[in-house]
Amino acid sequence: MHHERISLRAAMREMHALASAQVERFPAGQAELLRFVAASGAPPEIAAAARHCAANMGNWISSVYWFHHESDRYGTARDF
């Protein structure tokens, strides 16, 4: 974002918007993966592993969000 010659605060807002958009897209992608796995005819242990990974990604996203934003670990709450 430096190449756009915007302020740090504006860059932080832009990155927040970009990251938020990706997080908002996750549930649809997760549902698409689960539909694909269900229709794939994969062996039960492979299907179970895929479902488990999809669920863990959802947990990871919410955990990272909390740690970085809600805990104010990096002071982001006061910058917006």
PDB file of N, CA and C in Angstrom:
ATOM      1  N   MET A   1       0.814  -1.186   0.000  1.00  0.00           N
ATOM      2  CA  MET A   1       0.000   0.000   0.000  1.00  0.00           C
ATOM      3  C   MET A   1       0.859   1.252   0.000  1.00  0.00           C
ATOM      4  N   HIS A   2       2.114   1.092   0.316  1.00  0.00           N
ATOM      5  CA  HIS A   2       3.005   2.244   0.310  1.00  0.00           C
ATOM      6  C   HIS A   2       3.042   2.905  -1.066  1.00  0.00           C
ATOM      7  N   HIS A   3       2.943   2.090  -2.092  1.00  0.00           N
ATOM      8  CA  HIS A   3       3.011   2.643  -3.441  1.00  0.00           C
ATOM      9  C   HIS A   3       1.846   3.586  -3.739  1.00  0.00           C
ATOM     10  N   GLU A   4       0.762   3.464  -2.989  1.00  0.00           N
ATOM     11  CA  GLU A   4      -0.382   4.354  -3.189  1.00  0.00           C
ATOM     12  C   GLU A   4      -0.220   5.658  -2.416  1.00  0.00           C
ATOM     13  N   ARG A   5       0.840   5.743  -1.644  1.00  0.00           N
ATOM     14  CA  ARG A   5       1.129   6.931  -0.847  1.00  0.00           C
ATOM     15  C   ARG A   5      -0.042   7.312   0.067  1.00  0.00           C
ATOM     16  N   ILE A   6      -0.539   6.311   0.765  1.00  0.00           N
ATOM     17  CA  ILE A   6      -1.607   6.568   1.725  1.00  0.00           C
ATOM     18  C   ILE A   6      -1.017   6.508   3.125  1.00  0.00           C
ATOM     19  N   SER A   7      -1.723   7.056   4.064  1.00  0.00           N
ATOM     20  CA  SER A   7      -1.233   7.075   5.442  1.00  0.00           C
ATOM     21  C   SER A   7      -1.295   5.680   6.053  1.00  0.00           C
ATOM     22  N   LEU A   8      -0.584   5.513   7.138  1.00  0.00           N
ATOM     23  CA  LEU A   8      -0.612   4.246   7.858  1.00  0.00           C
ATOM     24  C   LEU A   8      -2.035   3.918   8.291  1.00  0.00           C
ATOM     25  N   ARG A   9      -2.731   4.897   8.815  1.00  0.00           N
ATOM     26  CA  ARG A   9      -4.109   4.677   9.267  1.00  0.00           C
ATOM     27  C   ARG A   9      -4.998   4.222   8.105  1.00  0.00           C
ATOM     28  N   ALA A  10      -4.871   4.862   6.944  1.00  0.00           N
ATOM     29  CA  ALA A  10      -5.669   4.476   5.774  1.00  0.00           C
ATOM     30  C   ALA A  10      -5.286   3.075   5.305  1.00  0.00           C
ATOM     31  N   ALA A  11      -3.995   2.747   5.367  1.00  0.00           N
ATOM     32  CA  ALA A  11      -3.547   1.405   4.985  1.00  0.00           C
ATOM     33  C   ALA A  11      -4.124   0.361   5.934  1.00  0.00           C
ATOM     34  N   MET A  12      -4.161   0.679   7.225  1.00  0.00           N
ATOM     35  CA  MET A  12      -4.732  -0.253   8.197  1.00  0.00           C
ATOM     36  C   MET A  12      -6.216  -0.465   7.931  1.00  0.00           C
ATOM     37  N   ARG A  13      -6.920   0.599   7.617  1.00  0.00           N
ATOM     38  CA  ARG A  13      -8.347   0.455   7.304  1.00  0.00           C
ATOM     39  C   ARG A  13      -8.542  -0.408   6.062  1.00  0.00           C
ATOM     40  N   GLU A  14      -7.705  -0.182   5.051  1.00  0.00           N
ATOM     41  CA  GLU A  14      -7.803  -0.963   3.815  1.00  0.00           C
ATOM     42  C   GLU A  14      -7.513  -2.440   4.070  1.00  0.00           C
ATOM     43  N   MET A  15      -6.471  -2.736   4.829  1.00  0.00           N
ATOM     44  CA  MET A  15      -6.139  -4.128   5.144  1.00  0.00           C
ATOM     45  C   MET A  15      -7.242  -4.772   5.981  1.00  0.00           C
ATOM     46  N   HIS A  16      -7.810  -4.021   6.901  1.00  0.00           N
ATOM     47  CA  HIS A  16      -8.918  -4.536   7.706  1.00  0.00           C
ATOM     48  C   HIS A  16     -10.093  -4.895   6.807  1.00  0.00           C
ATOM     49  N   ALA A  17     -10.397  -4.040   5.854  1.00  0.00           N
ATOM     50  CA  ALA A  17     -11.508  -4.304   4.933  1.00  0.00           C
ATOM     51  C   ALA A  17     -11.222  -5.530   4.073  1.00  0.00           C
ATOM     52  N   LEU A  18      -9.990  -5.655   3.577  1.00  0.00           N
ATOM     53  CA  LEU A  18      -9.636  -6.813   2.751  1.00  0.00           C
ATOM     54  C   LEU A  18      -9.707  -8.110   3.554  1.00  0.00           C
ATOM     55  N   ALA A  19      -9.157  -8.098   4.765  1.00  0.00           N
ATOM     56  CA  ALA A  19      -9.187  -9.297   5.604  1.00  0.00           C
ATOM     57  C   ALA A  19     -10.615  -9.650   5.998  1.00  0.00           C
ATOM     58  N   SER A  20     -11.416  -8.656   6.336  1.00  0.00           N
ATOM     59  CA  SER A  20     -12.812  -8.904   6.711  1.00  0.00           C
ATOM     60  C   SER A  20     -13.584  -9.540   5.567  1.00  0.00           C
ATOM     61  N   ALA A  21     -13.331  -9.081   4.354  1.00  0.00           N
ATOM     62  CA  ALA A  21     -14.018  -9.650   3.193  1.00  0.00           C
ATOM     63  C   ALA A  21     -13.674 -11.129   3.034  1.00  0.00           C
ATOM     64  N   GLN A  22     -12.417 -11.482   3.266  1.00  0.00           N
ATOM     65  CA  GLN A  22     -12.023 -12.887   3.146  1.00  0.00           C
ATOM     66  C   GLN A  22     -12.669 -13.729   4.245  1.00  0.00           C
ATOM     67  N   VAL A  23     -12.690 -13.206   5.455  1.00  0.00           N
ATOM     68  CA  VAL A  23     -13.314 -13.934   6.565  1.00  0.00           C
ATOM     69  C   VAL A  23     -14.800 -14.140   6.291  1.00  0.00           C
ATOM     70  N   GLU A  24     -15.450 -13.125   5.739  1.00  0.00           N
ATOM     71  CA  GLU A  24     -16.879 -13.244   5.428  1.00  0.00           C
ATOM     72  C   GLU A  24     -17.138 -14.278   4.342  1.00  0.00           C
ATOM     73  N   ARG A  25     -16.166 -14.512   3.471  1.00  0.00           N
ATOM     74  CA  ARG A  25     -16.324 -15.498   2.398  1.00  0.00           C
ATOM     75  C   ARG A  25     -16.125 -16.928   2.894  1.00  0.00           C
ATOM     76  N   PHE A  26     -15.499 -17.100   4.043  1.00  0.00           N
ATOM     77  CA  PHE A  26     -15.147 -18.436   4.515  1.00  0.00           C
ATOM     78  C   PHE A  26     -16.341 -19.377   4.667  1.00  0.00           C
ATOM     79  N   PRO A  27     -17.447 -18.978   5.304  1.00  0.00           N
ATOM     80  CA  PRO A  27     -18.554 -19.932   5.473  1.00  0.00           C
ATOM     81  C   PRO A  27     -19.060 -20.512   4.149  1.00  0.00           C
ATOM     82  N   ALA A  28     -19.121 -19.706   3.110  1.00  0.00           N
ATOM     83  CA  ALA A  28     -19.570 -20.219   1.812  1.00  0.00           C
ATOM     84  C   ALA A  28     -18.563 -21.222   1.255  1.00  0.00           C
ATOM     85  N   GLY A  29     -17.285 -20.932   1.392  1.00  0.00           N
ATOM     86  CA  GLY A  29     -16.255 -21.863   0.932  1.00  0.00           C
ATOM     87  C   GLY A  29     -16.259 -23.155   1.727  1.00  0.00           C
ATOM     88  N   GLN A  30     -16.476 -23.033   3.022  1.00  0.00           N
ATOM     89  CA  GLN A  30     -16.545 -24.213   3.873  1.00  0.00           C
ATOM     90  C   GLN A  30     -17.731 -25.083   3.466  1.00  0.00           C
ATOM     91  N   ALA A  31     -18.876 -24.471   3.234  1.00  0.00           N
ATOM     92  CA  ALA A  31     -20.066 -25.225   2.815  1.00  0.00           C
ATOM     93  C   ALA A  31     -19.834 -25.893   1.465  1.00  0.00           C
ATOM     94  N   GLU A  32     -19.165 -25.196   0.556  1.00  0.00           N
ATOM     95  CA  GLU A  32     -18.867 -25.771  -0.759  1.00  0.00           C
ATOM     96  C   GLU A  32     -17.950 -26.985  -0.618  1.00  0.00           C
ATOM     97  N   LEU A  33     -16.953 -26.886   0.239  1.00  0.00           N
ATOM     98  CA  LEU A  33     -16.061 -28.017   0.483  1.00  0.00           C
ATOM     99  C   LEU A  33     -16.831 -29.207   1.034  1.00  0.00           C
ATOM    100  N   LEU A  34     -17.698 -28.963   1.999  1.00  0.00           N
ATOM    101  CA  LEU A  34     -18.458 -30.059   2.604  1.00  0.00           C
ATOM    102  C   LEU A  34     -19.390 -30.716   1.591  1.00  0.00           C
ATOM    103  N   ARG A  35     -19.995 -29.928   0.706  1.00  0.00           N
ATOM    104  CA  ARG A  35     -20.829 -30.504  -0.359  1.00  0.00           C
ATOM    105  C   ARG A  35     -19.980 -31.349  -1.309  1.00  0.00           C
ATOM    106  N   PHE A  36     -18.812 -30.854  -1.657  1.00  0.00           N
ATOM    107  CA  PHE A  36     -17.913 -31.587  -2.546  1.00  0.00           C
ATOM    108  C   PHE A  36     -17.509 -32.915  -1.920  1.00  0.00           C
ATOM    109  N   VAL A  37     -17.131 -32.884  -0.655  1.00  0.00           N
ATOM    110  CA  VAL A  37     -16.719 -34.108   0.038  1.00  0.00           C
ATOM    111  C   VAL A  37     -17.872 -35.101   0.072  1.00  0.00           C
ATOM    112  N   ALA A  38     -19.074 -34.619   0.370  1.00  0.00           N
ATOM    113  CA  ALA A  38     -20.241 -35.509   0.449  1.00  0.00           C
ATOM    114  C   ALA A  38     -20.526 -36.163  -0.899  1.00  0.00           C
ATOM    115  N   ALA A  39     -20.321 -35.436  -1.976  1.00  0.00           N
ATOM    116  CA  ALA A  39     -20.634 -35.960  -3.310  1.00  0.00           C
ATOM    117  C   ALA A  39     -19.468 -36.719  -3.940  1.00  0.00           C
ATOM    118  N   SER A  40     -18.306 -36.694  -3.321  1.00  0.00           N
ATOM    119  CA  SER A  40     -17.105 -37.243  -3.954  1.00  0.00           C
ATOM    120  C   SER A  40     -17.001 -38.758  -3.902  1.00  0.00           C
ATOM    121  N   GLY A  41     -17.707 -39.362  -2.987  1.00  0.00           N
ATOM    122  CA  GLY A  41     -17.564 -40.807  -2.828  1.00  0.00           C
ATOM    123  C   GLY A  41     -16.247 -41.188  -2.176  1.00  0.00           C
ATOM    124  N   ALA A  42     -15.626 -40.243  -1.507  1.00  0.00           N
ATOM    125  CA  ALA A  42     -14.358 -40.512  -0.823  1.00  0.00           C
ATOM    126  C   ALA A  42     -14.579 -41.538   0.280  1.00  0.00           C
ATOM    127  N   PRO A  43     -13.552 -42.317   0.593  1.00  0.00           N
ATOM    128  CA  PRO A  43     -13.668 -43.258   1.711  1.00  0.00           C
ATOM    129  C   PRO A  43     -14.053 -42.507   2.988  1.00  0.00           C
ATOM    130  N   PRO A  44     -14.790 -43.157   3.868  1.00  0.00           N
ATOM    131  CA  PRO A  44     -15.274 -42.480   5.082  1.00  0.00           C
ATOM    132  C   PRO A  44     -14.177 -41.782   5.888  1.00  0.00           C
ATOM    133  N   GLU A  45     -13.013 -42.401   5.989  1.00  0.00           N
ATOM    134  CA  GLU A  45     -11.952 -41.779   6.792  1.00  0.00           C
ATOM    135  C   GLU A  45     -11.412 -40.508   6.118  1.00  0.00           C
ATOM    136  N   ILE A  46     -11.399 -40.472   4.804  1.00  0.00           N
ATOM    137  CA  ILE A  46     -10.965 -39.264   4.086  1.00  0.00           C
ATOM    138  C   ILE A  46     -12.021 -38.170   4.232  1.00  0.00           C
ATOM    139  N   ALA A  47     -13.289 -38.540   4.079  1.00  0.00           N
ATOM    140  CA  ALA A  47     -14.381 -37.568   4.226  1.00  0.00           C
ATOM    141  C   ALA A  47     -14.387 -36.987   5.638  1.00  0.00           C
ATOM    142  N   ALA A  48     -14.183 -37.848   6.637  1.00  0.00           N
ATOM    143  CA  ALA A  48     -14.155 -37.376   8.026  1.00  0.00           C
ATOM    144  C   ALA A  48     -12.986 -36.418   8.251  1.00  0.00           C
ATOM    145  N   ALA A  49     -11.835 -36.733   7.679  1.00  0.00           N
ATOM    146  CA  ALA A  49     -10.666 -35.857   7.825  1.00  0.00           C
ATOM    147  C   ALA A  49     -10.922 -34.499   7.174  1.00  0.00           C
ATOM    148  N   ALA A  50     -11.557 -34.487   6.011  1.00  0.00           N
ATOM    149  CA  ALA A  50     -11.860 -33.223   5.327  1.00  0.00           C
ATOM    150  C   ALA A  50     -12.839 -32.388   6.149  1.00  0.00           C
ATOM    151  N   ARG A  51     -13.864 -33.023   6.703  1.00  0.00           N
ATOM    152  CA  ARG A  51     -14.826 -32.293   7.543  1.00  0.00           C
ATOM    153  C   ARG A  51     -14.131 -31.733   8.783  1.00  0.00           C
ATOM    154  N   HIS A  52     -13.265 -32.532   9.367  1.00  0.00           N
ATOM    155  CA  HIS A  52     -12.522 -32.110  10.557  1.00  0.00           C
ATOM    156  C   HIS A  52     -11.642 -30.894  10.240  1.00  0.00           C
ATOM    157  N   CYS A  53     -10.937 -30.940   9.128  1.00  0.00           N
ATOM    158  CA  CYS A  53     -10.076 -29.811   8.728  1.00  0.00           C
ATOM    159  C   CYS A  53     -10.897 -28.549   8.488  1.00  0.00           C
ATOM    160  N   ALA A  54     -12.050 -28.695   7.838  1.00  0.00           N
ATOM    161  CA  ALA A  54     -12.910 -27.533   7.570  1.00  0.00           C
ATOM    162  C   ALA A  54     -13.390 -26.908   8.880  1.00  0.00           C
ATOM    163  N   ALA A  55     -13.761 -27.738   9.837  1.00  0.00           N
ATOM    164  CA  ALA A  55     -14.208 -27.224  11.139  1.00  0.00           C
ATOM    165  C   ALA A  55     -13.060 -26.538  11.870  1.00  0.00           C
ATOM    166  N   ASN A  56     -11.871 -27.134  11.816  1.00  0.00           N
ATOM    167  CA  ASN A  56     -10.716 -26.536  12.490  1.00  0.00           C
ATOM    168  C   ASN A  56     -10.339 -25.191  11.887  1.00  0.00           C
ATOM    169  N   MET A  57     -10.491 -25.033  10.581  1.00  0.00           N
ATOM    170  CA  MET A  57     -10.192 -23.741   9.960  1.00  0.00           C
ATOM    171  C   MET A  57     -11.128 -22.660  10.504  1.00  0.00           C
ATOM    172  N   GLY A  58     -12.394 -22.997  10.682  1.00  0.00           N
ATOM    173  CA  GLY A  58     -13.334 -22.034  11.266  1.00  0.00           C
ATOM    174  C   GLY A  58     -12.919 -21.637  12.669  1.00  0.00           C
ATOM    175  N   ASN A  59     -12.466 -22.606  13.458  1.00  0.00           N
ATOM    176  CA  ASN A  59     -11.988 -22.309  14.809  1.00  0.00           C
ATOM    177  C   ASN A  59     -10.739 -21.437  14.765  1.00  0.00           C
ATOM    178  N   TRP A  60      -9.846 -21.726  13.827  1.00  0.00           N
ATOM    179  CA  TRP A  60      -8.610 -20.969  13.711  1.00  0.00           C
ATOM    180  C   TRP A  60      -8.908 -19.510  13.374  1.00  0.00           C
ATOM    181  N   ILE A  61      -9.802 -19.294  12.423  1.00  0.00           N
ATOM    182  CA  ILE A  61     -10.131 -17.924  12.013  1.00  0.00           C
ATOM    183  C   ILE A  61     -10.674 -17.124  13.192  1.00  0.00           C
ATOM    184  N   SER A  62     -11.609 -17.710  13.944  1.00  0.00           N
ATOM    185  CA  SER A  62     -12.180 -16.959  15.066  1.00  0.00           C
ATOM    186  C   SER A  62     -11.152 -16.739  16.172  1.00  0.00           C
ATOM    187  N   SER A  63     -10.270 -17.712  16.392  1.00  0.00           N
ATOM    188  CA  SER A  63      -9.237 -17.553  17.422  1.00  0.00           C
ATOM    189  C   SER A  63      -8.242 -16.463  17.058  1.00  0.00           C
ATOM    190  N   VAL A  64      -7.807 -16.446  15.816  1.00  0.00           N
ATOM    191  CA  VAL A  64      -6.854 -15.432  15.375  1.00  0.00           C
ATOM    192  C   VAL A  64      -7.496 -14.053  15.440  1.00  0.00           C
ATOM    193  N   TYR A  65      -8.755 -13.959  15.031  1.00  0.00           N
ATOM    194  CA  TYR A  65      -9.460 -12.673  15.105  1.00  0.00           C
ATOM    195  C   TYR A  65      -9.483 -12.172  16.542  1.00  0.00           C
ATOM    196  N   TRP A  66      -9.878 -13.047  17.466  1.00  0.00           N
ATOM    197  CA  TRP A  66      -9.967 -12.609  18.854  1.00  0.00           C
ATOM    198  C   TRP A  66      -8.602 -12.152  19.354  1.00  0.00           C
ATOM    199  N   PHE A  67      -7.586 -12.959  19.119  1.00  0.00           N
ATOM    200  CA  PHE A  67      -6.269 -12.643  19.655  1.00  0.00           C
ATOM    201  C   PHE A  67      -5.754 -11.310  19.131  1.00  0.00           C
ATOM    202  N   HIS A  68      -5.913 -11.072  17.851  1.00  0.00           N
ATOM    203  CA  HIS A  68      -5.331  -9.870  17.260  1.00  0.00           C
ATOM    204  C   HIS A  68      -6.205  -8.633  17.413  1.00  0.00           C
ATOM    205  N   HIS A  69      -7.499  -8.805  17.474  1.00  0.00           N
ATOM    206  CA  HIS A  69      -8.367  -7.629  17.512  1.00  0.00           C
ATOM    207  C   HIS A  69      -8.983  -7.415  18.892  1.00  0.00           C
ATOM    208  N   GLU A  70      -9.746  -8.374  19.340  1.00  0.00           N
ATOM    209  CA  GLU A  70     -10.471  -8.206  20.600  1.00  0.00           C
ATOM    210  C   GLU A  70      -9.540  -8.077  21.797  1.00  0.00           C
ATOM    211  N   SER A  71      -8.419  -8.782  21.791  1.00  0.00           N
ATOM    212  CA  SER A  71      -7.492  -8.680  22.916  1.00  0.00           C
ATOM    213  C   SER A  71      -6.684  -7.387  22.855  1.00  0.00           C
ATOM    214  N   ASP A  72      -6.763  -6.686  21.731  1.00  0.00           N
ATOM    215  CA  ASP A  72      -6.017  -5.453  21.476  1.00  0.00           C
ATOM    216  C   ASP A  72      -4.515  -5.690  21.604  1.00  0.00           C
ATOM    217  N   ARG A  73      -4.103  -6.901  21.230  1.00  0.00           N
ATOM    218  CA  ARG A  73      -2.686  -7.285  21.304  1.00  0.00           C
ATOM    219  C   ARG A  73      -1.786  -6.303  20.563  1.00  0.00           C
ATOM    220  N   TYR A  74      -2.226  -5.853  19.410  1.00  0.00           N
ATOM    221  CA  TYR A  74      -1.414  -4.946  18.602  1.00  0.00           C
ATOM    222  C   TYR A  74      -1.987  -3.536  18.551  1.00  0.00           C
ATOM    223  N   GLY A  75      -2.880  -3.226  19.454  1.00  0.00           N
ATOM    224  CA  GLY A  75      -3.417  -1.880  19.529  1.00  0.00           C
ATOM    225  C   GLY A  75      -4.316  -1.508  18.366  1.00  0.00           C
ATOM    226  N   THR A  76      -4.914  -2.492  17.722  1.00  0.00           N
ATOM    227  CA  THR A  76      -5.720  -2.197  16.538  1.00  0.00           C
ATOM    228  C   THR A  76      -7.047  -1.547  16.876  1.00  0.00           C
ATOM    229  N   ALA A  77      -7.602  -1.836  18.033  1.00  0.00           N
ATOM    230  CA  ALA A  77      -8.928  -1.306  18.368  1.00  0.00           C
ATOM    231  C   ALA A  77      -8.915   0.220  18.432  1.00  0.00           C
ATOM    232  N   ARG A  78      -7.847   0.777  18.883  1.00  0.00           N
ATOM    233  CA  ARG A  78      -7.806   2.234  19.024  1.00  0.00           C
ATOM    234  C   ARG A  78      -7.428   2.943  17.724  1.00  0.00           C
ATOM    235  N   ASP A  79      -7.061   2.184  16.695  1.00  0.00           N
ATOM    236  CA  ASP A  79      -6.615   2.789  15.446  1.00  0.00           C
ATOM    237  C   ASP A  79      -7.718   2.974  14.421  1.00  0.00           C
ATOM    238  N   PHE A  80      -8.922   2.533  14.709  1.00  0.00           N
ATOM    239  CA  PHE A  80      -9.984   2.640  13.707  1.00  0.00           C
ATOM    240  C   PHE A  80     -10.991   3.647  14.107  1.00  0.00           C
TER     241      PHE A  80
END
